[in-house]
Amino acid sequence: MNNDYKVRLYLRFLQIPEIGSATGAKIMTGCGGIENVFNATSKEIAEKCGLSQKITQKIFLPIDEYKINEKINQCRNLGIEAICYEDPTYPSVLKAIDSPPLLLYCKGQIPKKWNYGIAIVGSRNPTPYGIKIARRLAYQIARVGFAVISDCALGIDTHAHLGALAAEGITWAVMGSGLDRCYPPQNLELLGKVMKKGLILSEFPPGTAPSRSTVFLKNRIISGLSIGVVVVEAAQGCASLLIARIALEQDRQLFAIPGRIDNPYAFGPNQLIKEGAKLVCALEDILEEISYLSPLVYSKTGDKARASKIKLSKDE
């Protein structure tokens, strides 16, 4: 692993009780990096970061060195890279959320500069229509240069990855477990394909089994890595609607594919559209909302991609 020394310091920091991602990021920013944290006193950290000394004193509690060595060795043996919060390769768009993970465990093609990404999420039990739309949209998004982000779950998420791979584009799978635990196990082969063209990543160290809490936490990373989230099909109560809510909290663009009113899996997207999500009938509907990213906006015409310049007024 690159930069073992800093990774060790972060693993030590992550053993601290009662300090979560949001407070941890605040401490890293206030102190200017992990090394400065451990070179400061609890009083200095409290003053720099606006925290109580009762919290910052916990930073200097005894830690389990064996667990740190174990995690470092597991990552080495499994070919996993750990990217620290202050590392130049840490995705800046993720650093901007309220509770960014302090360590990202990655396997695959780690980008030097992260692509803009669009998440595609939806039902675990999609209709044939949902599958077709998820694949086609992911294919088009990947073809115009965006990374397609999902979590390699069964259903819409699987077909989003497959669509991006068919376009020979980039796709990232965010896992709610350690990267040595494939969940669901049926997608082990798919994860291998994702790693060849893209990346699998998690905030959880090797050996972490999926659970309700880890799956919940990974949702903020899916939307956090994205500039926009597309919900394809989602029944009432579907986890994808939670990702949609998180996306709005993170100030991400929210898109939804409309469906028939008698289809229970169309409930989620139709409800989101009623609440203000952008209705998507074609790739252009997404590109219209994110044209600020570049002076070139790409649209699909047959097998060719054409570019049109966006003209802005002085005020715009």
C-alpha atoms as a PDB file:
ATOM      1  CA  MET A   1       0.000   0.000   0.000  1.00  0.00           C
ATOM      2  CA  ASN A   2       1.132   3.542  -0.729  1.00  0.00           C
ATOM      3  CA  ASN A   3       1.836   5.836   2.229  1.00  0.00           C
ATOM      4  CA  ASP A   4       1.638   3.167   4.938  1.00  0.00           C
ATOM      5  CA  TYR A   5       2.642   5.628   7.646  1.00  0.00           C
ATOM      6  CA  LYS A   6      -0.354   7.926   7.133  1.00  0.00           C
ATOM      7  CA  VAL A   7      -2.719   4.989   6.680  1.00  0.00           C
ATOM      8  CA  ARG A   8      -1.550   3.665  10.060  1.00  0.00           C
ATOM      9  CA  LEU A   9      -2.259   7.034  11.668  1.00  0.00           C
ATOM     10  CA  TYR A  10      -5.760   7.081  10.155  1.00  0.00           C
ATOM     11  CA  LEU A  11      -6.428   3.525  11.341  1.00  0.00           C
ATOM     12  CA  ARG A  12      -5.338   4.634  14.792  1.00  0.00           C
ATOM     13  CA  PHE A  13      -7.653   7.657  14.580  1.00  0.00           C
ATOM     14  CA  LEU A  14     -10.574   5.486  13.459  1.00  0.00           C
ATOM     15  CA  GLN A  15     -10.292   3.445  16.661  1.00  0.00           C
ATOM     16  CA  ILE A  16     -11.224   6.510  18.713  1.00  0.00           C
ATOM     17  CA  PRO A  17     -14.627   6.030  20.357  1.00  0.00           C
ATOM     18  CA  GLU A  18     -17.441   8.526  19.748  1.00  0.00           C
ATOM     19  CA  ILE A  19     -15.733  10.397  16.902  1.00  0.00           C
ATOM     20  CA  GLY A  20     -17.551   9.846  13.628  1.00  0.00           C
ATOM     21  CA  SER A  21     -16.806  10.871  10.062  1.00  0.00           C
ATOM     22  CA  ALA A  22     -18.171  14.413  10.346  1.00  0.00           C
ATOM     23  CA  THR A  23     -16.189  15.263  13.508  1.00  0.00           C
ATOM     24  CA  GLY A  24     -13.138  13.442  12.144  1.00  0.00           C
ATOM     25  CA  ALA A  25     -13.163  15.515   8.940  1.00  0.00           C
ATOM     26  CA  LYS A  26     -13.553  18.677  11.026  1.00  0.00           C
ATOM     27  CA  ILE A  27     -10.477  17.721  13.052  1.00  0.00           C
ATOM     28  CA  MET A  28      -8.430  16.911   9.927  1.00  0.00           C
ATOM     29  CA  THR A  29      -9.340  20.238   8.330  1.00  0.00           C
ATOM     30  CA  GLY A  30      -8.818  22.261  11.498  1.00  0.00           C
ATOM     31  CA  CYS A  31      -5.421  20.716  12.233  1.00  0.00           C
ATOM     32  CA  GLY A  32      -4.229  20.523   8.625  1.00  0.00           C
ATOM     33  CA  GLY A  33      -3.725  16.756   8.476  1.00  0.00           C
ATOM     34  CA  ILE A  34      -3.415  13.597  10.511  1.00  0.00           C
ATOM     35  CA  GLU A  35       0.222  14.135  11.514  1.00  0.00           C
ATOM     36  CA  ASN A  36      -0.603  17.516  13.020  1.00  0.00           C
ATOM     37  CA  VAL A  37      -3.413  15.913  14.999  1.00  0.00           C
ATOM     38  CA  PHE A  38      -1.100  13.530  16.823  1.00  0.00           C
ATOM     39  CA  ASN A  39       1.575  16.211  17.257  1.00  0.00           C
ATOM     40  CA  ALA A  40      -0.862  18.536  19.024  1.00  0.00           C
ATOM     41  CA  THR A  41      -2.351  18.478  22.514  1.00  0.00           C
ATOM     42  CA  SER A  42      -6.022  17.820  23.175  1.00  0.00           C
ATOM     43  CA  LYS A  43      -6.385  21.464  24.223  1.00  0.00           C
ATOM     44  CA  GLU A  44      -4.854  22.749  20.977  1.00  0.00           C
ATOM     45  CA  ILE A  45      -7.098  20.483  18.886  1.00  0.00           C
ATOM     46  CA  ALA A  46     -10.177  21.629  20.817  1.00  0.00           C
ATOM     47  CA  GLU A  47      -9.318  25.305  20.221  1.00  0.00           C
ATOM     48  CA  LYS A  48      -8.493  24.883  16.514  1.00  0.00           C
ATOM     49  CA  CYS A  49     -11.557  22.775  15.717  1.00  0.00           C
ATOM     50  CA  GLY A  50     -14.189  24.293  18.007  1.00  0.00           C
ATOM     51  CA  LEU A  51     -14.673  21.073  19.964  1.00  0.00           C
ATOM     52  CA  SER A  52     -14.820  20.279  23.670  1.00  0.00           C
ATOM     53  CA  GLN A  53     -11.656  18.969  25.289  1.00  0.00           C
ATOM     54  CA  LYS A  54     -13.736  16.064  26.584  1.00  0.00           C
ATOM     55  CA  ILE A  55     -13.946  14.843  22.966  1.00  0.00           C
ATOM     56  CA  THR A  56     -10.388  15.639  21.896  1.00  0.00           C
ATOM     57  CA  GLN A  57      -8.877  13.868  24.915  1.00  0.00           C
ATOM     58  CA  LYS A  58     -10.186  10.608  23.467  1.00  0.00           C
ATOM     59  CA  ILE A  59      -7.727  10.957  20.562  1.00  0.00           C
ATOM     60  CA  PHE A  60      -4.885  10.009  22.867  1.00  0.00           C
ATOM     61  CA  LEU A  61      -6.439   6.925  24.452  1.00  0.00           C
ATOM     62  CA  PRO A  62      -4.485   3.648  24.072  1.00  0.00           C
ATOM     63  CA  ILE A  63      -5.155   1.806  20.802  1.00  0.00           C
ATOM     64  CA  ASP A  64      -4.830  -1.760  19.551  1.00  0.00           C
ATOM     65  CA  GLU A  65      -1.703  -1.924  17.360  1.00  0.00           C
ATOM     66  CA  TYR A  66      -2.448  -5.542  16.465  1.00  0.00           C
ATOM     67  CA  LYS A  67      -5.683  -4.528  14.715  1.00  0.00           C
ATOM     68  CA  ILE A  68      -3.837  -1.866  12.736  1.00  0.00           C
ATOM     69  CA  ASN A  69      -1.167  -4.325  11.575  1.00  0.00           C
ATOM     70  CA  GLU A  70      -3.844  -6.869  10.717  1.00  0.00           C
ATOM     71  CA  LYS A  71      -5.722  -4.417   8.487  1.00  0.00           C
ATOM     72  CA  ILE A  72      -2.532  -3.240   6.772  1.00  0.00           C
ATOM     73  CA  ASN A  73      -1.545  -6.846   6.003  1.00  0.00           C
ATOM     74  CA  GLN A  74      -5.030  -7.755   4.790  1.00  0.00           C
ATOM     75  CA  CYS A  75      -5.003  -4.841   2.356  1.00  0.00           C
ATOM     76  CA  ARG A  76      -1.555  -5.794   1.065  1.00  0.00           C
ATOM     77  CA  ASN A  77      -2.532  -9.434   0.549  1.00  0.00           C
ATOM     78  CA  LEU A  78      -5.785  -8.537  -1.214  1.00  0.00           C
ATOM     79  CA  GLY A  79      -4.335  -5.790  -3.443  1.00  0.00           C
ATOM     80  CA  ILE A  80      -6.454  -3.108  -1.771  1.00  0.00           C
ATOM     81  CA  GLU A  81      -5.326   0.520  -1.659  1.00  0.00           C
ATOM     82  CA  ALA A  82      -6.406   2.761   1.218  1.00  0.00           C
ATOM     83  CA  ILE A  83      -6.839   6.429   0.265  1.00  0.00           C
ATOM     84  CA  CYS A  84      -6.645   8.913   3.153  1.00  0.00           C
ATOM     85  CA  TYR A  85      -8.899  11.940   3.494  1.00  0.00           C
ATOM     86  CA  GLU A  86      -5.944  14.303   2.913  1.00  0.00           C
ATOM     87  CA  ASP A  87      -4.438  12.298   0.037  1.00  0.00           C
ATOM     88  CA  PRO A  88      -4.345  14.196  -3.312  1.00  0.00           C
ATOM     89  CA  THR A  89      -6.111  11.245  -4.960  1.00  0.00           C
ATOM     90  CA  TYR A  90      -9.086  11.439  -2.563  1.00  0.00           C
ATOM     91  CA  PRO A  91     -12.150  12.539  -4.609  1.00  0.00           C
ATOM     92  CA  SER A  92     -12.804  16.221  -3.898  1.00  0.00           C
ATOM     93  CA  VAL A  93     -16.535  15.905  -4.578  1.00  0.00           C
ATOM     94  CA  LEU A  94     -16.807  13.358  -1.748  1.00  0.00           C
ATOM     95  CA  LYS A  95     -14.746  15.497   0.613  1.00  0.00           C
ATOM     96  CA  ALA A  96     -17.430  18.187   0.311  1.00  0.00           C
ATOM     97  CA  ILE A  97     -20.226  16.142   1.974  1.00  0.00           C
ATOM     98  CA  ASP A  98     -21.049  16.527   5.681  1.00  0.00           C
ATOM     99  CA  SER A  99     -19.590  13.182   6.782  1.00  0.00           C
ATOM    100  CA  PRO A 100     -16.935  12.018   4.294  1.00  0.00           C
ATOM    101  CA  PRO A 101     -15.222   8.694   5.019  1.00  0.00           C
ATOM    102  CA  LEU A 102     -11.722   9.278   6.393  1.00  0.00           C
ATOM    103  CA  LEU A 103     -10.369   6.205   4.607  1.00  0.00           C
ATOM    104  CA  LEU A 104     -11.515   4.800   1.277  1.00  0.00           C
ATOM    105  CA  TYR A 105     -10.568   1.204   0.516  1.00  0.00           C
ATOM    106  CA  CYS A 106     -10.237   0.821  -3.254  1.00  0.00           C
ATOM    107  CA  LYS A 107      -9.542  -1.969  -5.709  1.00  0.00           C
ATOM    108  CA  GLY A 108      -9.267  -1.582  -9.469  1.00  0.00           C
ATOM    109  CA  GLN A 109      -8.344   1.438 -11.570  1.00  0.00           C
ATOM    110  CA  ILE A 110      -7.863   4.280  -9.104  1.00  0.00           C
ATOM    111  CA  PRO A 111      -8.075   7.546 -11.063  1.00  0.00           C
ATOM    112  CA  LYS A 112      -5.497  10.281 -10.644  1.00  0.00           C
ATOM    113  CA  LYS A 113      -8.320  12.676 -11.393  1.00  0.00           C
ATOM    114  CA  TRP A 114     -11.813  11.395 -10.659  1.00  0.00           C
ATOM    115  CA  ASN A 115     -14.370  11.606 -13.455  1.00  0.00           C
ATOM    116  CA  TYR A 116     -17.668  13.323 -12.895  1.00  0.00           C
ATOM    117  CA  GLY A 117     -20.049  10.536 -11.924  1.00  0.00           C
ATOM    118  CA  ILE A 118     -23.775   9.889 -12.225  1.00  0.00           C
ATOM    119  CA  ALA A 119     -25.420   7.309  -9.982  1.00  0.00           C
ATOM    120  CA  ILE A 120     -28.137   4.994 -11.266  1.00  0.00           C
ATOM    121  CA  VAL A 121     -30.169   3.209  -8.592  1.00  0.00           C
ATOM    122  CA  GLY A 122     -33.451   1.394  -8.349  1.00  0.00           C
ATOM    123  CA  SER A 123     -35.450  -1.670  -7.454  1.00  0.00           C
ATOM    124  CA  ARG A 124     -33.917  -5.054  -6.644  1.00  0.00           C
ATOM    125  CA  ASN A 125     -36.838  -6.586  -8.567  1.00  0.00           C
ATOM    126  CA  PRO A 126     -37.109  -4.500 -11.723  1.00  0.00           C
ATOM    127  CA  THR A 127     -39.502  -4.969 -14.597  1.00  0.00           C
ATOM    128  CA  PRO A 128     -38.177  -5.711 -18.117  1.00  0.00           C
ATOM    129  CA  TYR A 129     -38.836  -2.037 -18.901  1.00  0.00           C
ATOM    130  CA  GLY A 130     -36.716  -0.922 -15.940  1.00  0.00           C
ATOM    131  CA  ILE A 131     -33.861  -3.219 -16.951  1.00  0.00           C
ATOM    132  CA  LYS A 132     -33.912  -1.919 -20.533  1.00  0.00           C
ATOM    133  CA  ILE A 133     -33.925   1.728 -19.465  1.00  0.00           C
ATOM    134  CA  ALA A 134     -31.198   1.272 -16.823  1.00  0.00           C
ATOM    135  CA  ARG A 135     -28.886  -0.457 -19.307  1.00  0.00           C
ATOM    136  CA  ARG A 136     -29.521   1.985 -22.118  1.00  0.00           C
ATOM    137  CA  LEU A 137     -29.113   5.072 -19.958  1.00  0.00           C
ATOM    138  CA  ALA A 138     -25.945   3.733 -18.301  1.00  0.00           C
ATOM    139  CA  TYR A 139     -24.520   2.923 -21.729  1.00  0.00           C
ATOM    140  CA  GLN A 140     -25.193   6.462 -22.954  1.00  0.00           C
ATOM    141  CA  ILE A 141     -23.882   8.124 -19.795  1.00  0.00           C
ATOM    142  CA  ALA A 142     -20.663   6.107 -19.984  1.00  0.00           C
ATOM    143  CA  ARG A 143     -20.251   6.812 -23.705  1.00  0.00           C
ATOM    144  CA  VAL A 144     -20.206  10.568 -23.142  1.00  0.00           C
ATOM    145  CA  GLY A 145     -17.511  10.271 -20.489  1.00  0.00           C
ATOM    146  CA  PHE A 146     -19.215  10.148 -17.104  1.00  0.00           C
ATOM    147  CA  ALA A 147     -18.558   7.387 -14.573  1.00  0.00           C
ATOM    148  CA  VAL A 148     -21.645   5.299 -13.807  1.00  0.00           C
ATOM    149  CA  ILE A 149     -21.978   4.743 -10.052  1.00  0.00           C
ATOM    150  CA  SER A 150     -24.055   2.119  -8.251  1.00  0.00           C
ATOM    151  CA  ASP A 151     -23.596  -0.526  -5.564  1.00  0.00           C
ATOM    152  CA  CYS A 152     -23.566  -3.802  -7.523  1.00  0.00           C
ATOM    153  CA  ALA A 153     -26.785  -4.915  -5.839  1.00  0.00           C
ATOM    154  CA  LEU A 154     -29.206  -7.136  -7.729  1.00  0.00           C
ATOM    155  CA  GLY A 155     -31.695  -5.483 -10.050  1.00  0.00           C
ATOM    156  CA  ILE A 156     -31.360  -1.999 -11.519  1.00  0.00           C
ATOM    157  CA  ASP A 157     -27.910  -1.475  -9.956  1.00  0.00           C
ATOM    158  CA  THR A 158     -26.488  -4.572 -11.652  1.00  0.00           C
ATOM    159  CA  HIS A 159     -27.846  -3.499 -15.030  1.00  0.00           C
ATOM    160  CA  ALA A 160     -26.420   0.010 -14.580  1.00  0.00           C
ATOM    161  CA  HIS A 161     -22.933  -1.487 -14.249  1.00  0.00           C
ATOM    162  CA  LEU A 162     -23.548  -3.814 -17.201  1.00  0.00           C
ATOM    163  CA  GLY A 163     -24.670  -0.928 -19.409  1.00  0.00           C
ATOM    164  CA  ALA A 164     -21.526   1.066 -18.611  1.00  0.00           C
ATOM    165  CA  LEU A 165     -19.318  -1.968 -19.267  1.00  0.00           C
ATOM    166  CA  ALA A 166     -21.034  -2.580 -22.614  1.00  0.00           C
ATOM    167  CA  ALA A 167     -20.069   0.982 -23.580  1.00  0.00           C
ATOM    168  CA  GLU A 168     -16.477   0.262 -22.489  1.00  0.00           C
ATOM    169  CA  GLY A 169     -16.895   3.151 -20.070  1.00  0.00           C
ATOM    170  CA  ILE A 170     -15.984   3.707 -16.445  1.00  0.00           C
ATOM    171  CA  THR A 171     -18.118   2.366 -13.623  1.00  0.00           C
ATOM    172  CA  TRP A 172     -17.655   2.421  -9.840  1.00  0.00           C
ATOM    173  CA  ALA A 173     -19.311   0.067  -7.354  1.00  0.00           C
ATOM    174  CA  VAL A 174     -19.692   1.307  -3.779  1.00  0.00           C
ATOM    175  CA  MET A 175     -19.819  -1.615  -1.363  1.00  0.00           C
ATOM    176  CA  GLY A 176     -21.566  -1.838   2.001  1.00  0.00           C
ATOM    177  CA  SER A 177     -18.969  -4.340   3.242  1.00  0.00           C
ATOM    178  CA  GLY A 178     -15.242  -5.009   3.124  1.00  0.00           C
ATOM    179  CA  LEU A 179     -13.940  -5.458  -0.421  1.00  0.00           C
ATOM    180  CA  ASP A 180     -13.208  -9.125   0.322  1.00  0.00           C
ATOM    181  CA  ARG A 181     -16.908  -9.750   0.965  1.00  0.00           C
ATOM    182  CA  CYS A 182     -18.946  -9.872  -2.236  1.00  0.00           C
ATOM    183  CA  TYR A 183     -22.553  -9.019  -1.549  1.00  0.00           C
ATOM    184  CA  PRO A 184     -24.647 -10.308  -3.152  1.00  0.00           C
ATOM    185  CA  PRO A 185     -22.454 -13.360  -3.891  1.00  0.00           C
ATOM    186  CA  GLN A 186     -24.165 -13.784  -7.289  1.00  0.00           C
ATOM    187  CA  ASN A 187     -22.326 -10.678  -8.489  1.00  0.00           C
ATOM    188  CA  LEU A 188     -18.773 -11.869  -7.860  1.00  0.00           C
ATOM    189  CA  GLU A 189     -18.082 -12.141 -11.611  1.00  0.00           C
ATOM    190  CA  LEU A 190     -19.574  -8.688 -12.224  1.00  0.00           C
ATOM    191  CA  LEU A 191     -17.331  -7.131  -9.567  1.00  0.00           C
ATOM    192  CA  GLY A 192     -14.323  -8.603 -11.366  1.00  0.00           C
ATOM    193  CA  LYS A 193     -15.432  -6.930 -14.591  1.00  0.00           C
ATOM    194  CA  VAL A 194     -16.038  -3.621 -12.829  1.00  0.00           C
ATOM    195  CA  MET A 195     -12.479  -3.643 -11.433  1.00  0.00           C
ATOM    196  CA  LYS A 196     -10.993  -4.072 -14.916  1.00  0.00           C
ATOM    197  CA  LYS A 197     -12.640  -0.907 -16.286  1.00  0.00           C
ATOM    198  CA  GLY A 198     -13.369   0.963 -13.090  1.00  0.00           C
ATOM    199  CA  LEU A 199     -13.263   0.589  -9.365  1.00  0.00           C
ATOM    200  CA  ILE A 200     -14.869  -1.017  -6.345  1.00  0.00           C
ATOM    201  CA  LEU A 201     -14.639   0.961  -3.135  1.00  0.00           C
ATOM    202  CA  SER A 202     -15.782   0.967   0.475  1.00  0.00           C
ATOM    203  CA  GLU A 203     -15.171   2.809   3.729  1.00  0.00           C
ATOM    204  CA  PHE A 204     -15.149  -0.528   5.549  1.00  0.00           C
ATOM    205  CA  PRO A 205     -11.936  -2.517   6.052  1.00  0.00           C
ATOM    206  CA  PRO A 206     -11.475  -6.086   4.780  1.00  0.00           C
ATOM    207  CA  GLY A 207     -13.397  -8.599   6.831  1.00  0.00           C
ATOM    208  CA  THR A 208     -16.420  -6.345   7.395  1.00  0.00           C
ATOM    209  CA  ALA A 209     -19.643  -8.235   6.698  1.00  0.00           C
ATOM    210  CA  PRO A 210     -22.622  -6.364   5.199  1.00  0.00           C
ATOM    211  CA  SER A 211     -25.207  -5.254   7.738  1.00  0.00           C
ATOM    212  CA  ARG A 212     -28.107  -2.865   7.962  1.00  0.00           C
ATOM    213  CA  SER A 213     -25.828  -0.100   9.278  1.00  0.00           C
ATOM    214  CA  THR A 214     -23.038  -0.565   6.705  1.00  0.00           C
ATOM    215  CA  VAL A 215     -25.531  -0.624   3.834  1.00  0.00           C
ATOM    216  CA  PHE A 216     -27.151   2.540   5.196  1.00  0.00           C
ATOM    217  CA  LEU A 217     -23.787   4.327   5.460  1.00  0.00           C
ATOM    218  CA  LYS A 218     -22.683   3.422   1.933  1.00  0.00           C
ATOM    219  CA  ASN A 219     -25.681   5.299   0.491  1.00  0.00           C
ATOM    220  CA  ARG A 220     -24.148   8.689   1.322  1.00  0.00           C
ATOM    221  CA  ILE A 221     -21.019   7.707  -0.646  1.00  0.00           C
ATOM    222  CA  ILE A 222     -23.014   6.692  -3.730  1.00  0.00           C
ATOM    223  CA  SER A 223     -24.667  10.107  -3.909  1.00  0.00           C
ATOM    224  CA  GLY A 224     -21.580  11.896  -2.549  1.00  0.00           C
ATOM    225  CA  LEU A 225     -19.410  10.689  -5.437  1.00  0.00           C
ATOM    226  CA  SER A 226     -22.061  11.770  -7.930  1.00  0.00           C
ATOM    227  CA  ILE A 227     -23.098  15.049  -9.445  1.00  0.00           C
ATOM    228  CA  GLY A 228     -26.557  13.573  -9.940  1.00  0.00           C
ATOM    229  CA  VAL A 229     -28.629  10.507  -9.027  1.00  0.00           C
ATOM    230  CA  VAL A 230     -31.073   8.778 -11.392  1.00  0.00           C
ATOM    231  CA  VAL A 231     -33.856   6.651  -9.878  1.00  0.00           C
ATOM    232  CA  VAL A 232     -35.166   4.170 -12.435  1.00  0.00           C
ATOM    233  CA  GLU A 233     -37.731   2.027 -10.584  1.00  0.00           C
ATOM    234  CA  ALA A 234     -38.490   2.019  -6.853  1.00  0.00           C
ATOM    235  CA  ALA A 235     -41.512   0.722  -4.976  1.00  0.00           C
ATOM    236  CA  GLN A 236     -42.747   2.523  -1.874  1.00  0.00           C
ATOM    237  CA  GLY A 237     -40.151   2.071   0.896  1.00  0.00           C
ATOM    238  CA  CYS A 238     -37.360   1.082  -1.522  1.00  0.00           C
ATOM    239  CA  ALA A 239     -33.805   1.852  -0.317  1.00  0.00           C
ATOM    240  CA  SER A 240     -33.188   3.797  -3.528  1.00  0.00           C
ATOM    241  CA  LEU A 241     -35.584   6.477  -2.294  1.00  0.00           C
ATOM    242  CA  LEU A 242     -33.336   6.946   0.723  1.00  0.00           C
ATOM    243  CA  ILE A 243     -30.409   7.573  -1.629  1.00  0.00           C
ATOM    244  CA  ALA A 244     -32.589  10.130  -3.422  1.00  0.00           C
ATOM    245  CA  ARG A 245     -33.256  11.951  -0.133  1.00  0.00           C
ATOM    246  CA  ILE A 246     -29.565  11.939   0.739  1.00  0.00           C
ATOM    247  CA  ALA A 247     -28.765  13.296  -2.741  1.00  0.00           C
ATOM    248  CA  LEU A 248     -31.035  16.275  -2.101  1.00  0.00           C
ATOM    249  CA  GLU A 249     -29.398  16.881   1.293  1.00  0.00           C
ATOM    250  CA  GLN A 250     -26.002  16.842  -0.433  1.00  0.00           C
ATOM    251  CA  ASP A 251     -27.250  19.312  -3.044  1.00  0.00           C
ATOM    252  CA  ARG A 252     -26.974  16.820  -5.895  1.00  0.00           C
ATOM    253  CA  GLN A 253     -29.159  16.841  -9.012  1.00  0.00           C
ATOM    254  CA  LEU A 254     -32.041  14.366  -8.760  1.00  0.00           C
ATOM    255  CA  PHE A 255     -33.469  12.638 -11.819  1.00  0.00           C
ATOM    256  CA  ALA A 256     -36.270  10.098 -12.167  1.00  0.00           C
ATOM    257  CA  ILE A 257     -37.602   7.848 -14.935  1.00  0.00           C
ATOM    258  CA  PRO A 258     -41.399   8.090 -15.099  1.00  0.00           C
ATOM    259  CA  GLY A 259     -43.479   4.908 -15.096  1.00  0.00           C
ATOM    260  CA  ARG A 260     -47.028   3.678 -15.491  1.00  0.00           C
ATOM    261  CA  ILE A 261     -49.307   4.670 -12.618  1.00  0.00           C
ATOM    262  CA  ASP A 262     -50.490   1.048 -12.212  1.00  0.00           C
ATOM    263  CA  ASN A 263     -46.909  -0.212 -11.787  1.00  0.00           C
ATOM    264  CA  PRO A 264     -45.944  -0.345  -8.058  1.00  0.00           C
ATOM    265  CA  TYR A 265     -42.267   0.026  -9.031  1.00  0.00           C
ATOM    266  CA  ALA A 266     -43.066   3.378 -10.628  1.00  0.00           C
ATOM    267  CA  PHE A 267     -44.301   4.803  -7.321  1.00  0.00           C
ATOM    268  CA  GLY A 268     -40.890   6.110  -6.246  1.00  0.00           C
ATOM    269  CA  PRO A 269     -39.822   7.881  -9.452  1.00  0.00           C
ATOM    270  CA  ASN A 270     -43.299   9.322 -10.047  1.00  0.00           C
ATOM    271  CA  GLN A 271     -43.414  10.642  -6.465  1.00  0.00           C
ATOM    272  CA  LEU A 272     -39.951  12.192  -6.809  1.00  0.00           C
ATOM    273  CA  ILE A 273     -41.019  13.920 -10.024  1.00  0.00           C
ATOM    274  CA  LYS A 274     -44.067  15.356  -8.229  1.00  0.00           C
ATOM    275  CA  GLU A 275     -41.671  16.691  -5.576  1.00  0.00           C
ATOM    276  CA  GLY A 276     -39.391  18.360  -8.104  1.00  0.00           C
ATOM    277  CA  ALA A 277     -36.981  15.746  -9.490  1.00  0.00           C
ATOM    278  CA  LYS A 278     -36.141  16.196 -13.183  1.00  0.00           C
ATOM    279  CA  LEU A 279     -38.215  13.883 -15.378  1.00  0.00           C
ATOM    280  CA  VAL A 280     -35.904  11.946 -17.692  1.00  0.00           C
ATOM    281  CA  CYS A 281     -37.024  10.612 -21.066  1.00  0.00           C
ATOM    282  CA  ALA A 282     -33.595  10.745 -22.713  1.00  0.00           C
ATOM    283  CA  LEU A 283     -29.947  11.424 -21.956  1.00  0.00           C
ATOM    284  CA  GLU A 284     -30.374  15.038 -23.075  1.00  0.00           C
ATOM    285  CA  ASP A 285     -32.683  15.663 -20.085  1.00  0.00           C
ATOM    286  CA  ILE A 286     -29.749  14.905 -17.779  1.00  0.00           C
ATOM    287  CA  LEU A 287     -27.187  16.834 -19.815  1.00  0.00           C
ATOM    288  CA  GLU A 288     -29.369  19.948 -19.766  1.00  0.00           C
ATOM    289  CA  GLU A 289     -29.068  20.095 -15.984  1.00  0.00           C
ATOM    290  CA  ILE A 290     -25.304  19.569 -15.823  1.00  0.00           C
ATOM    291  CA  SER A 291     -24.169  21.636 -18.801  1.00  0.00           C
ATOM    292  CA  TYR A 292     -22.291  23.930 -16.374  1.00  0.00           C
ATOM    293  CA  LEU A 293     -19.592  21.265 -16.062  1.00  0.00           C
ATOM    294  CA  SER A 294     -18.094  21.970 -19.461  1.00  0.00           C
ATOM    295  CA  PRO A 295     -18.453  24.282 -22.459  1.00  0.00           C
ATOM    296  CA  LEU A 296     -19.275  21.123 -24.412  1.00  0.00           C
ATOM    297  CA  VAL A 297     -22.496  19.210 -23.915  1.00  0.00           C
ATOM    298  CA  TYR A 298     -22.640  15.814 -25.544  1.00  0.00           C
ATOM    299  CA  SER A 299     -25.767  14.255 -26.993  1.00  0.00           C
ATOM    300  CA  LYS A 300     -26.337  10.891 -28.577  1.00  0.00           C
ATOM    301  CA  THR A 301     -27.328  10.701 -32.242  1.00  0.00           C
ATOM    302  CA  GLY A 302     -27.277   7.133 -33.506  1.00  0.00           C
ATOM    303  CA  ASP A 303     -23.769   5.740 -33.027  1.00  0.00           C
ATOM    304  CA  LYS A 304     -22.105   9.157 -33.015  1.00  0.00           C
ATOM    305  CA  ALA A 305     -21.699  11.712 -30.263  1.00  0.00           C
ATOM    306  CA  ARG A 306     -21.906  15.332 -31.301  1.00  0.00           C
ATOM    307  CA  ALA A 307     -20.910  18.385 -29.265  1.00  0.00           C
ATOM    308  CA  SER A 308     -22.720  21.706 -29.098  1.00  0.00           C
ATOM    309  CA  LYS A 309     -21.323  24.851 -27.437  1.00  0.00           C
ATOM    310  CA  ILE A 310     -23.306  26.436 -24.665  1.00  0.00           C
ATOM    311  CA  LYS A 311     -23.618  30.219 -24.937  1.00  0.00           C
ATOM    312  CA  LEU A 312     -24.066  32.040 -21.639  1.00  0.00           C
ATOM    313  CA  SER A 313     -25.013  35.628 -21.052  1.00  0.00           C
ATOM    314  CA  LYS A 314     -22.686  37.848 -18.980  1.00  0.00           C
ATOM    315  CA  ASP A 315     -24.939  37.426 -15.893  1.00  0.00           C
ATOM    316  CA  GLU A 316     -25.133  33.672 -16.356  1.00  0.00           C
END
